[in-house]
Amino acid sequence: MAQRRMGTSGSSYQQLADSINELIGDRRECPCGRIHETPTRQVLIEAGTIEQLPDVLAKQGLAGAGLLVADDNTYQAAGEKSSQVIRGSGRELDTLIIRPEPGQAEVQATDGPVELVQRQATGADYLLAVGSGTINDICKLAATRLDIPYVSVATAPSMTGYTSGIAAPLTGAIKNTIDARPPVAVVADLNVLSAAPAPMRAAGVGDLVSRSLSSTDWKLAALLRGDYFCPYIATMVDEADRHCRAVAPEIKLGQPQAVAVLTAGLILAGVGMKMAGTSAPGSGGGHLMSHYWDMTAPARHRQRSLHGFQVALGDLICAALYERMWPQIAELDLEEIVAKRMPADDFARETYEHYAPLIGSEPAEEVARFAVAKHAEGEELRRQLELVTADPRAFWTQLAPLFTSSEELKRTLQESGAPLTAAELGISEAELLDGYRFARRFRDRYTVLDLAYDLGLLDELRDEVLATAE
């Protein structure tokens, strides 16, 4: 294990912190042809940063009245202290505690809480989001709709969304990603983050190390479909992933410096998604599977698990799929694949019939439209697959620098304390199989799941691949 380490957690943190400081508040032209912007202007990751909140607000020019938004748990973790510090500085601050809606066991990022924040924030000059994934998504959307800034007070190093330019709410029954403004500042108090429950830290590792598979899928989509891809961002996100993997055992123990590495990596990955203008650098096939399990959990009477745990499970599956699929590509008959392709109408019908009992008729129709949008046929399918089948080994050399093996992923997740099987997450064998087969259909994002389906190998390899998740 020592051979895999890149040095002390202190040096890893400093390298990540330097990268963050170089990018925040920046606007630069990139060789990829785009201009990258990072609206977040300040990031504090150290012990006691909550005490600095008045200075942060002043530095960001946030005067007037604020609204602090938290849930019961995050208010206890950091909200009450944040409120005392800000009010103690003479500032005006109201507080909104969001609680689960009727029939829900926990707060979810749906229209109800977002609209509640909007109503309560009438007259507010800024929002203070005290929480992790859900609270930040709620405040991102509310701040975007209200056209006011917000500051994020992190309570757990559990996800990459703090600085990303998207939110992932449940819109009706579909898990969407929506453009939303990032916070102008992130305040991450290591006293709070190190005390977060161990599963939250492990979930953060699961979400962060998924960058490797996501970037591999991102590059795959660029090569096959001409989707936008930025090597600089992919390399930057890979830096965050590698530093996190090096200190996974210390993260499990809650060692503050290792938690700082994880937090900085999560923030840097979020910055990368914002710079790219797409969630693709951090959301590949494993994320689609996680979103599928979220969307279908109510119909199956199952509690959703932590996002990072579900993503980690999905990524283990996708890594195994890459590994088992690639050696077989050279033996495939391209003309036979094209000839056997399911017609688009039948594909849409099959998709609808699967989703309708789980999420309802209208949402299932929307999913079917997404599915058909990337269902190539005939000459289009032949042209696309020829890029892979003509020389699979040469094609793989373009993906390999971004890829992390299933063995390496599993080792990192084990070291962090993350669960590795569907059973540990309460996901049944049927749900596991359905996520593998149908998650790719609800969003127009091309991943390894799509390539395996297009090559006719998704079902053929399913038993072998899914065995890695059982």
Protein backbone atom coordinates (compact mmCIF):
# COMPACT_ATOMS: atom_id res chain seq x y z
CA MET A 1 0.00 0.00 0.00
CA ALA A 2 2.82 2.42 0.81
CA GLN A 3 4.06 2.15 -2.77
CA ARG A 4 0.79 3.64 -4.00
CA ARG A 5 1.07 6.73 -1.82
CA MET A 6 2.10 10.06 -3.30
CA GLY A 7 3.55 11.44 -0.07
CA THR A 8 2.01 12.72 3.11
CA SER A 9 -1.59 13.85 3.25
CA GLY A 10 -0.23 17.32 4.01
CA SER A 11 1.63 17.56 0.70
CA SER A 12 -1.35 16.11 -1.17
CA TYR A 13 -3.62 18.70 0.37
CA GLN A 14 -1.26 21.53 -0.50
CA GLN A 15 -1.10 20.48 -4.15
CA LEU A 16 -4.90 20.34 -4.37
CA ALA A 17 -5.27 23.64 -2.51
CA ASP A 18 -2.83 25.29 -4.93
CA SER A 19 -4.86 24.01 -7.88
CA ILE A 20 -8.09 25.34 -6.36
CA ASN A 21 -6.58 28.75 -5.59
CA GLU A 22 -5.27 29.00 -9.14
CA LEU A 23 -8.74 28.41 -10.61
CA ILE A 24 -11.31 30.08 -8.34
CA GLY A 25 -12.68 33.33 -9.65
CA ASP A 26 -10.79 32.76 -12.89
CA ARG A 27 -11.70 33.10 -16.57
CA ARG A 28 -9.29 31.63 -19.10
CA GLU A 29 -9.03 30.51 -22.69
CA CYS A 30 -8.23 26.81 -23.05
CA PRO A 31 -6.56 24.88 -25.91
CA CYS A 32 -9.80 22.88 -26.07
CA GLY A 33 -11.33 25.96 -27.73
CA ARG A 34 -13.57 27.07 -24.89
CA ILE A 35 -13.35 29.76 -22.24
CA HIS A 36 -13.46 28.25 -18.75
CA GLU A 37 -14.94 30.23 -15.87
CA THR A 38 -15.07 29.51 -12.14
CA PRO A 39 -17.65 31.73 -10.41
CA THR A 40 -16.71 30.48 -6.93
CA ARG A 41 -14.30 33.11 -5.60
CA GLN A 42 -13.23 31.80 -2.18
CA VAL A 43 -12.65 28.36 -0.63
CA LEU A 44 -11.62 27.86 3.00
CA ILE A 45 -10.67 24.36 4.19
CA GLU A 46 -9.23 24.35 7.70
CA ALA A 47 -10.25 23.97 11.32
CA GLY A 48 -12.40 26.76 12.71
CA THR A 49 -13.46 28.37 9.44
CA ILE A 50 -17.02 28.92 10.69
CA GLU A 51 -15.56 31.64 12.90
CA GLN A 52 -14.46 33.40 9.70
CA LEU A 53 -17.95 33.61 8.18
CA PRO A 54 -18.38 37.38 8.84
CA ASP A 55 -15.07 38.03 7.06
CA VAL A 56 -16.10 35.77 4.17
CA LEU A 57 -19.40 37.61 3.75
CA ALA A 58 -17.59 40.96 3.84
CA LYS A 59 -14.97 39.84 1.31
CA GLN A 60 -17.71 38.69 -1.06
CA GLY A 61 -19.60 41.97 -0.68
CA LEU A 62 -22.61 40.27 0.87
CA ALA A 63 -24.29 42.92 3.00
CA GLY A 64 -27.89 43.20 4.13
CA ALA A 65 -30.09 40.32 5.24
CA GLY A 66 -29.29 36.65 4.79
CA LEU A 67 -31.28 33.42 5.05
CA LEU A 68 -29.60 30.38 6.58
CA VAL A 69 -31.00 27.10 5.21
CA ALA A 70 -30.37 23.75 6.91
CA ASP A 71 -32.10 20.54 7.95
CA ASP A 72 -32.32 19.29 11.51
CA ASN A 73 -29.03 17.37 11.31
CA THR A 74 -26.97 20.01 9.55
CA TYR A 75 -28.30 22.77 11.78
CA GLN A 76 -27.01 20.83 14.77
CA ALA A 77 -23.68 20.09 13.04
CA ALA A 78 -22.88 23.62 11.87
CA GLY A 79 -26.00 25.74 11.44
CA GLU A 80 -26.45 26.90 15.00
CA LYS A 81 -22.77 27.87 15.30
CA SER A 82 -22.88 29.66 11.93
CA SER A 83 -25.96 31.60 13.00
CA GLN A 84 -24.38 32.64 16.30
CA VAL A 85 -21.18 33.83 14.63
CA ILE A 86 -22.95 35.85 11.94
CA ARG A 87 -25.51 37.40 14.24
CA GLY A 88 -22.80 38.08 16.77
CA SER A 89 -21.09 40.24 14.17
CA GLY A 90 -24.19 42.45 13.99
CA ARG A 91 -25.57 41.06 10.75
CA GLU A 92 -29.22 40.29 10.07
CA LEU A 93 -29.86 36.58 9.48
CA ASP A 94 -33.06 34.53 9.40
CA THR A 95 -33.09 30.72 9.66
CA LEU A 96 -35.10 28.13 7.74
CA ILE A 97 -35.02 24.50 8.85
CA ILE A 98 -36.24 22.22 6.05
CA ARG A 99 -37.91 18.99 7.09
CA PRO A 100 -39.03 15.97 5.05
CA GLU A 101 -42.26 16.37 3.13
CA PRO A 102 -45.19 14.09 4.02
CA GLY A 103 -44.44 10.49 3.09
CA GLN A 104 -40.69 11.05 2.88
CA ALA A 105 -38.13 9.78 5.38
CA GLU A 106 -35.60 12.50 4.57
CA VAL A 107 -35.35 15.88 2.90
CA GLN A 108 -35.12 15.61 -0.90
CA ALA A 109 -34.19 18.13 -3.56
CA THR A 110 -37.62 18.53 -5.12
CA ASP A 111 -39.68 21.55 -6.14
CA GLY A 112 -41.39 21.74 -2.74
CA PRO A 113 -38.30 22.63 -0.64
CA VAL A 114 -36.90 24.86 -3.38
CA GLU A 115 -40.12 26.86 -3.53
CA LEU A 116 -40.18 27.06 0.27
CA VAL A 117 -36.71 28.63 0.27
CA GLN A 118 -37.78 31.05 -2.45
CA ARG A 119 -40.76 32.20 -0.40
CA GLN A 120 -38.77 32.55 2.80
CA ALA A 121 -35.97 34.39 1.02
CA THR A 122 -38.16 37.25 -0.14
CA GLY A 123 -36.15 40.31 0.77
CA ALA A 124 -32.97 38.34 1.48
CA ASP A 125 -29.75 39.49 -0.14
CA TYR A 126 -28.02 36.11 0.00
CA LEU A 127 -28.47 32.49 1.13
CA LEU A 128 -26.28 30.50 3.47
CA ALA A 129 -26.56 26.78 2.66
CA VAL A 130 -25.52 24.69 5.68
CA GLY A 131 -25.39 21.06 4.58
CA SER A 132 -24.07 18.74 1.92
CA GLY A 133 -25.71 17.40 -1.27
CA THR A 134 -29.42 17.93 -0.77
CA ILE A 135 -29.29 21.29 1.01
CA ASN A 136 -26.80 22.61 -1.54
CA ASP A 137 -28.93 21.51 -4.48
CA ILE A 138 -31.98 23.17 -2.93
CA CYS A 139 -30.12 26.42 -2.31
CA LYS A 140 -28.41 26.36 -5.72
CA LEU A 141 -31.75 26.19 -7.46
CA ALA A 142 -33.40 28.77 -5.20
CA ALA A 143 -30.46 31.18 -5.52
CA THR A 144 -30.51 30.78 -9.30
CA ARG A 145 -34.24 31.47 -9.52
CA LEU A 146 -34.00 34.42 -7.11
CA ASP A 147 -30.84 35.75 -8.81
CA ILE A 148 -29.01 36.17 -5.51
CA PRO A 149 -25.65 34.74 -4.38
CA TYR A 150 -25.17 32.02 -1.84
CA VAL A 151 -22.40 30.74 0.42
CA SER A 152 -21.98 27.04 1.17
CA VAL A 153 -21.06 25.86 4.67
CA ALA A 154 -20.05 22.24 4.14
CA THR A 155 -21.10 19.72 6.79
CA ALA A 156 -19.78 16.49 5.23
CA PRO A 157 -17.16 15.58 2.59
CA SER A 158 -19.70 13.39 0.85
CA MET A 159 -20.10 14.64 -2.74
CA THR A 160 -18.58 16.73 -5.53
CA GLY A 161 -21.50 19.09 -5.94
CA TYR A 162 -20.41 21.97 -3.72
CA THR A 163 -18.73 23.93 -6.53
CA SER A 164 -20.35 22.35 -9.60
CA GLY A 165 -22.60 24.36 -11.88
CA ILE A 166 -25.46 21.88 -11.70
CA ALA A 167 -28.05 20.58 -9.30
CA ALA A 168 -29.56 17.10 -9.45
CA PRO A 169 -33.18 17.37 -8.26
CA LEU A 170 -35.96 14.87 -8.63
CA THR A 171 -38.23 16.55 -11.17
CA GLY A 172 -41.42 14.58 -10.98
CA ALA A 173 -40.10 11.04 -11.11
CA ILE A 174 -36.97 11.72 -13.18
CA LYS A 175 -33.53 12.52 -11.77
CA ASN A 176 -32.40 15.52 -13.81
CA THR A 177 -29.29 17.65 -13.90
CA ILE A 178 -30.09 21.35 -14.15
CA ASP A 179 -27.75 24.30 -14.64
CA ALA A 180 -27.52 26.31 -11.41
CA ARG A 181 -25.18 28.90 -9.97
CA PRO A 182 -22.36 27.67 -7.74
CA PRO A 183 -21.70 29.34 -4.37
CA VAL A 184 -19.54 32.45 -4.32
CA ALA A 185 -17.67 30.91 -1.39
CA VAL A 186 -17.29 27.52 0.31
CA VAL A 187 -16.53 27.35 4.02
CA ALA A 188 -15.36 23.88 5.02
CA ASP A 189 -14.59 23.61 8.72
CA LEU A 190 -12.43 20.54 9.37
CA ASN A 191 -13.76 20.34 12.92
CA VAL A 192 -17.20 19.72 11.42
CA LEU A 193 -16.13 17.57 8.46
CA SER A 194 -13.89 15.27 10.51
CA ALA A 195 -16.78 14.68 12.91
CA ALA A 196 -19.20 13.78 10.10
CA PRO A 197 -20.39 10.16 10.21
CA ALA A 198 -17.86 7.73 8.71
CA PRO A 199 -20.32 6.61 5.99
CA MET A 200 -20.50 10.21 4.73
CA ARG A 201 -16.73 10.33 4.33
CA ALA A 202 -16.72 6.94 2.59
CA ALA A 203 -19.50 8.16 0.28
CA GLY A 204 -17.31 11.14 -0.61
CA VAL A 205 -14.53 8.77 -1.60
CA GLY A 206 -17.01 6.81 -3.72
CA ASP A 207 -18.17 9.95 -5.52
CA LEU A 208 -14.68 11.33 -6.04
CA VAL A 209 -12.97 8.20 -7.35
CA SER A 210 -15.79 7.83 -9.87
CA ARG A 211 -14.08 10.65 -11.82
CA SER A 212 -11.84 8.08 -13.50
CA LEU A 213 -14.69 6.07 -15.01
CA SER A 214 -16.65 9.24 -15.79
CA SER A 215 -13.72 10.78 -17.66
CA THR A 216 -13.19 7.52 -19.54
CA ASP A 217 -16.84 7.59 -20.61
CA TRP A 218 -16.48 11.29 -21.48
CA LYS A 219 -13.54 10.54 -23.77
CA LEU A 220 -15.39 7.55 -25.26
CA ALA A 221 -18.34 9.80 -26.18
CA ALA A 222 -15.98 12.32 -27.73
CA LEU A 223 -14.29 9.72 -29.89
CA LEU A 224 -17.48 7.99 -31.05
CA ARG A 225 -20.00 10.84 -31.22
CA GLY A 226 -17.88 13.97 -31.39
CA ASP A 227 -19.01 15.16 -27.96
CA TYR A 228 -17.03 17.99 -26.38
CA PHE A 229 -14.00 16.89 -24.36
CA CYS A 230 -11.27 18.88 -22.57
CA PRO A 231 -7.98 17.07 -21.77
CA TYR A 232 -7.01 19.79 -19.27
CA ILE A 233 -10.14 19.30 -17.19
CA ALA A 234 -9.87 15.51 -17.36
CA THR A 235 -6.28 15.72 -16.08
CA MET A 236 -7.26 18.13 -13.31
CA VAL A 237 -10.07 15.87 -12.12
CA ASP A 238 -7.71 12.90 -12.26
CA GLU A 239 -5.38 14.77 -9.90
CA ALA A 240 -8.14 15.00 -7.31
CA ASP A 241 -8.96 11.30 -7.71
CA ARG A 242 -5.33 10.15 -7.32
CA HIS A 243 -4.65 12.19 -4.20
CA CYS A 244 -7.82 10.86 -2.57
CA ARG A 245 -6.94 7.23 -3.34
CA ALA A 246 -3.56 7.72 -1.72
CA VAL A 247 -5.04 8.56 1.68
CA ALA A 248 -8.23 6.47 1.71
CA PRO A 249 -7.35 4.57 4.93
CA GLU A 250 -6.75 7.84 6.79
CA ILE A 251 -10.04 9.22 5.49
CA LYS A 252 -11.81 6.21 7.00
CA LEU A 253 -10.28 7.08 10.38
CA GLY A 254 -11.38 10.71 10.11
CA GLN A 255 -7.87 12.10 10.29
CA PRO A 256 -8.28 15.86 9.70
CA GLN A 257 -5.49 16.25 7.13
CA ALA A 258 -6.80 13.32 5.09
CA VAL A 259 -10.33 14.72 5.33
CA ALA A 260 -8.87 17.99 4.03
CA VAL A 261 -7.46 16.09 1.03
CA LEU A 262 -10.85 14.52 0.35
CA THR A 263 -12.68 17.84 0.71
CA ALA A 264 -10.24 19.66 -1.56
CA GLY A 265 -10.53 16.86 -4.12
CA LEU A 266 -14.31 17.03 -4.08
CA ILE A 267 -14.24 20.80 -4.50
CA LEU A 268 -11.69 20.61 -7.33
CA ALA A 269 -13.81 18.00 -9.12
CA GLY A 270 -16.84 20.26 -8.81
CA VAL A 271 -14.85 23.15 -10.24
CA GLY A 272 -13.92 20.91 -13.16
CA MET A 273 -17.56 20.22 -13.96
CA LYS A 274 -18.37 23.92 -13.83
CA MET A 275 -15.44 24.76 -16.12
CA ALA A 276 -16.55 22.09 -18.60
CA GLY A 277 -20.13 23.35 -18.67
CA THR A 278 -21.28 19.75 -18.35
CA SER A 279 -21.40 17.11 -15.63
CA ALA A 280 -19.71 14.63 -17.99
CA PRO A 281 -16.26 14.84 -16.28
CA GLY A 282 -17.89 13.53 -13.11
CA SER A 283 -20.99 11.67 -14.21
CA GLY A 284 -20.69 8.54 -16.33
CA GLY A 285 -22.32 5.14 -16.40
CA GLY A 286 -22.00 4.58 -12.65
CA HIS A 287 -23.87 7.82 -11.96
CA LEU A 288 -26.62 6.84 -14.36
CA MET A 289 -27.07 3.60 -12.46
CA SER A 290 -27.21 5.50 -9.16
CA HIS A 291 -29.83 7.89 -10.54
CA TYR A 292 -31.83 4.94 -11.84
CA TRP A 293 -31.88 3.36 -8.38
CA ASP A 294 -32.95 6.71 -6.90
CA MET A 295 -35.77 7.13 -9.40
CA THR A 296 -37.16 3.63 -8.96
CA ALA A 297 -36.68 3.24 -5.19
CA PRO A 298 -40.19 4.47 -4.22
CA ALA A 299 -41.94 1.97 -6.49
CA ARG A 300 -39.83 -0.79 -5.00
CA HIS A 301 -40.39 0.40 -1.42
CA ARG A 302 -36.68 0.80 -0.82
CA GLN A 303 -34.86 3.58 0.97
CA ARG A 304 -32.31 5.39 -1.18
CA SER A 305 -28.71 4.86 -0.16
CA LEU A 306 -26.01 7.52 -0.09
CA HIS A 307 -25.25 8.81 -3.58
CA GLY A 308 -21.53 8.07 -3.33
CA PHE A 309 -22.16 4.46 -2.34
CA GLN A 310 -24.49 3.84 -5.26
CA VAL A 311 -22.08 5.55 -7.66
CA ALA A 312 -19.22 3.40 -6.37
CA LEU A 313 -21.24 0.25 -6.99
CA GLY A 314 -22.14 1.43 -10.47
CA ASP A 315 -18.53 2.25 -11.24
CA LEU A 316 -17.30 -1.16 -10.12
CA ILE A 317 -19.78 -2.63 -12.60
CA CYS A 318 -18.74 -0.26 -15.39
CA ALA A 319 -15.02 -0.89 -14.80
CA ALA A 320 -15.62 -4.64 -14.97
CA LEU A 321 -17.63 -4.14 -18.15
CA TYR A 322 -14.78 -2.24 -19.82
CA GLU A 323 -12.32 -4.95 -18.80
CA ARG A 324 -14.41 -7.91 -19.95
CA MET A 325 -15.79 -6.32 -23.08
CA TRP A 326 -12.65 -4.98 -24.71
CA PRO A 327 -10.88 -8.29 -25.44
CA GLN A 328 -13.98 -9.51 -27.28
CA ILE A 329 -14.43 -6.58 -29.64
CA ALA A 330 -11.92 -7.79 -32.23
CA GLU A 331 -13.94 -11.01 -32.72
CA LEU A 332 -17.26 -9.28 -33.42
CA ASP A 333 -18.99 -9.21 -36.82
CA LEU A 334 -19.95 -5.59 -37.42
CA GLU A 335 -22.40 -6.33 -40.22
CA GLU A 336 -24.19 -8.87 -38.07
CA ILE A 337 -24.48 -6.32 -35.25
CA VAL A 338 -25.98 -3.72 -37.59
CA ALA A 339 -28.39 -6.24 -39.12
CA LYS A 340 -29.70 -7.36 -35.71
CA ARG A 341 -30.25 -3.84 -34.40
CA MET A 342 -33.64 -3.35 -32.75
CA PRO A 343 -35.77 -0.78 -34.66
CA ALA A 344 -36.16 2.54 -32.88
CA ASP A 345 -39.93 2.16 -32.43
CA ASP A 346 -39.50 -1.21 -30.75
CA PHE A 347 -36.70 0.16 -28.60
CA ALA A 348 -38.87 3.07 -27.47
CA ARG A 349 -41.74 0.71 -26.68
CA GLU A 350 -39.49 -1.61 -24.66
CA THR A 351 -38.12 1.37 -22.72
CA TYR A 352 -41.58 2.74 -21.97
CA GLU A 353 -42.90 -0.64 -20.85
CA HIS A 354 -40.04 -1.00 -18.38
CA TYR A 355 -40.24 2.49 -16.88
CA ALA A 356 -43.99 3.14 -16.82
CA PRO A 357 -44.82 0.83 -13.86
CA LEU A 358 -41.89 2.30 -11.92
CA ILE A 359 -42.16 6.05 -12.47
CA GLY A 360 -45.49 6.62 -14.24
CA SER A 361 -46.69 6.95 -17.81
CA GLU A 362 -45.70 10.53 -18.66
CA PRO A 363 -42.18 10.33 -17.21
CA ALA A 364 -41.71 6.99 -18.98
CA GLU A 365 -42.60 8.65 -22.29
CA GLU A 366 -39.92 11.26 -21.62
CA VAL A 367 -37.35 8.55 -20.87
CA ALA A 368 -38.26 6.77 -24.10
CA ARG A 369 -37.56 9.97 -26.04
CA PHE A 370 -34.10 10.26 -24.43
CA ALA A 371 -33.42 6.60 -25.19
CA VAL A 372 -34.27 6.87 -28.87
CA ALA A 373 -32.16 10.02 -29.25
CA LYS A 374 -28.95 7.98 -28.95
CA HIS A 375 -30.25 4.78 -30.56
CA ALA A 376 -28.25 4.79 -33.79
CA GLU A 377 -29.25 2.46 -36.63
CA GLY A 378 -27.99 1.44 -40.05
CA GLU A 379 -25.17 3.49 -41.52
CA GLU A 380 -24.92 5.75 -38.49
CA LEU A 381 -24.43 2.77 -36.19
CA ARG A 382 -21.94 1.18 -38.59
CA ARG A 383 -19.87 4.37 -38.83
CA GLN A 384 -19.84 4.77 -35.06
CA LEU A 385 -18.86 1.21 -34.25
CA GLU A 386 -16.22 1.01 -36.99
CA LEU A 387 -14.22 3.52 -34.97
CA VAL A 388 -13.89 0.90 -32.24
CA THR A 389 -13.92 -2.39 -34.14
CA ALA A 390 -11.36 -1.42 -36.79
CA ASP A 391 -8.52 -1.51 -34.23
CA PRO A 392 -9.76 -2.03 -30.65
CA ARG A 393 -6.25 -2.04 -29.20
CA ALA A 394 -5.37 1.32 -30.74
CA PHE A 395 -8.69 2.77 -29.66
CA TRP A 396 -8.10 1.62 -26.08
CA THR A 397 -4.78 3.43 -25.91
CA GLN A 398 -6.76 6.68 -26.06
CA LEU A 399 -8.93 5.67 -23.09
CA ALA A 400 -6.40 3.82 -20.93
CA PRO A 401 -4.70 6.90 -19.36
CA LEU A 402 -8.04 7.89 -17.81
CA PHE A 403 -9.15 4.43 -16.70
CA THR A 404 -8.84 2.89 -13.24
CA SER A 405 -9.16 -0.87 -12.96
CA SER A 406 -11.95 -2.54 -11.02
CA GLU A 407 -9.30 -4.04 -8.73
CA GLU A 408 -7.87 -0.62 -7.87
CA LEU A 409 -11.32 0.87 -7.36
CA LYS A 410 -12.31 -1.97 -5.08
CA ARG A 411 -9.15 -1.61 -3.02
CA THR A 412 -9.69 2.13 -2.53
CA LEU A 413 -13.33 1.68 -1.60
CA GLN A 414 -12.43 -1.08 0.88
CA GLU A 415 -9.79 1.15 2.47
CA SER A 416 -12.30 3.98 2.86
CA GLY A 417 -14.95 1.75 4.45
CA ALA A 418 -17.44 1.95 1.57
CA PRO A 419 -19.78 -0.99 0.92
CA LEU A 420 -18.99 -2.98 -2.20
CA THR A 421 -22.08 -5.06 -2.89
CA ALA A 422 -25.68 -4.43 -3.87
CA ALA A 423 -26.90 -6.43 -0.88
CA GLU A 424 -25.11 -4.04 1.50
CA LEU A 425 -27.08 -1.16 -0.06
CA GLY A 426 -30.39 -3.00 0.06
CA ILE A 427 -30.51 -3.28 -3.74
CA SER A 428 -32.05 -6.55 -4.87
CA GLU A 429 -30.66 -8.74 -7.66
CA ALA A 430 -33.58 -7.65 -9.87
CA GLU A 431 -32.84 -3.95 -9.26
CA LEU A 432 -29.16 -4.54 -9.91
CA LEU A 433 -29.91 -6.17 -13.24
CA ASP A 434 -32.45 -3.53 -14.23
CA GLY A 435 -30.02 -0.72 -13.41
CA TYR A 436 -27.39 -2.43 -15.56
CA ARG A 437 -29.78 -2.86 -18.49
CA PHE A 438 -31.96 0.25 -18.35
CA ALA A 439 -30.12 3.10 -16.59
CA ARG A 440 -28.42 4.13 -19.82
CA ARG A 441 -31.76 4.98 -21.39
CA PHE A 442 -33.01 7.92 -19.34
CA ARG A 443 -30.35 10.43 -20.39
CA ASP A 444 -28.66 11.29 -23.68
CA ARG A 445 -25.16 10.61 -22.37
CA TYR A 446 -23.01 7.99 -24.04
CA THR A 447 -21.15 5.63 -21.67
CA VAL A 448 -19.65 2.16 -21.60
CA LEU A 449 -23.17 0.84 -20.99
CA ASP A 450 -24.20 2.21 -24.39
CA LEU A 451 -21.17 0.85 -26.20
CA ALA A 452 -21.70 -2.60 -24.73
CA TYR A 453 -25.35 -2.51 -25.80
CA ASP A 454 -24.47 -1.26 -29.29
CA LEU A 455 -21.94 -4.08 -29.69
CA GLY A 456 -24.46 -6.67 -28.53
CA LEU A 457 -22.40 -7.50 -25.43
CA LEU A 458 -24.39 -5.90 -22.59
CA ASP A 459 -26.64 -8.91 -21.98
CA GLU A 460 -24.01 -11.43 -23.01
CA LEU A 461 -21.62 -10.24 -20.29
CA ARG A 462 -24.16 -9.41 -17.59
CA ASP A 463 -23.68 -12.45 -15.34
CA GLU A 464 -19.90 -12.16 -15.40
CA VAL A 465 -19.95 -8.40 -14.86
CA LEU A 466 -22.65 -8.28 -12.18
CA ALA A 467 -20.87 -10.98 -10.21
CA THR A 468 -18.44 -8.21 -9.21
CA ALA A 469 -21.28 -6.46 -7.36
CA GLU A 470 -22.73 -9.42 -5.48
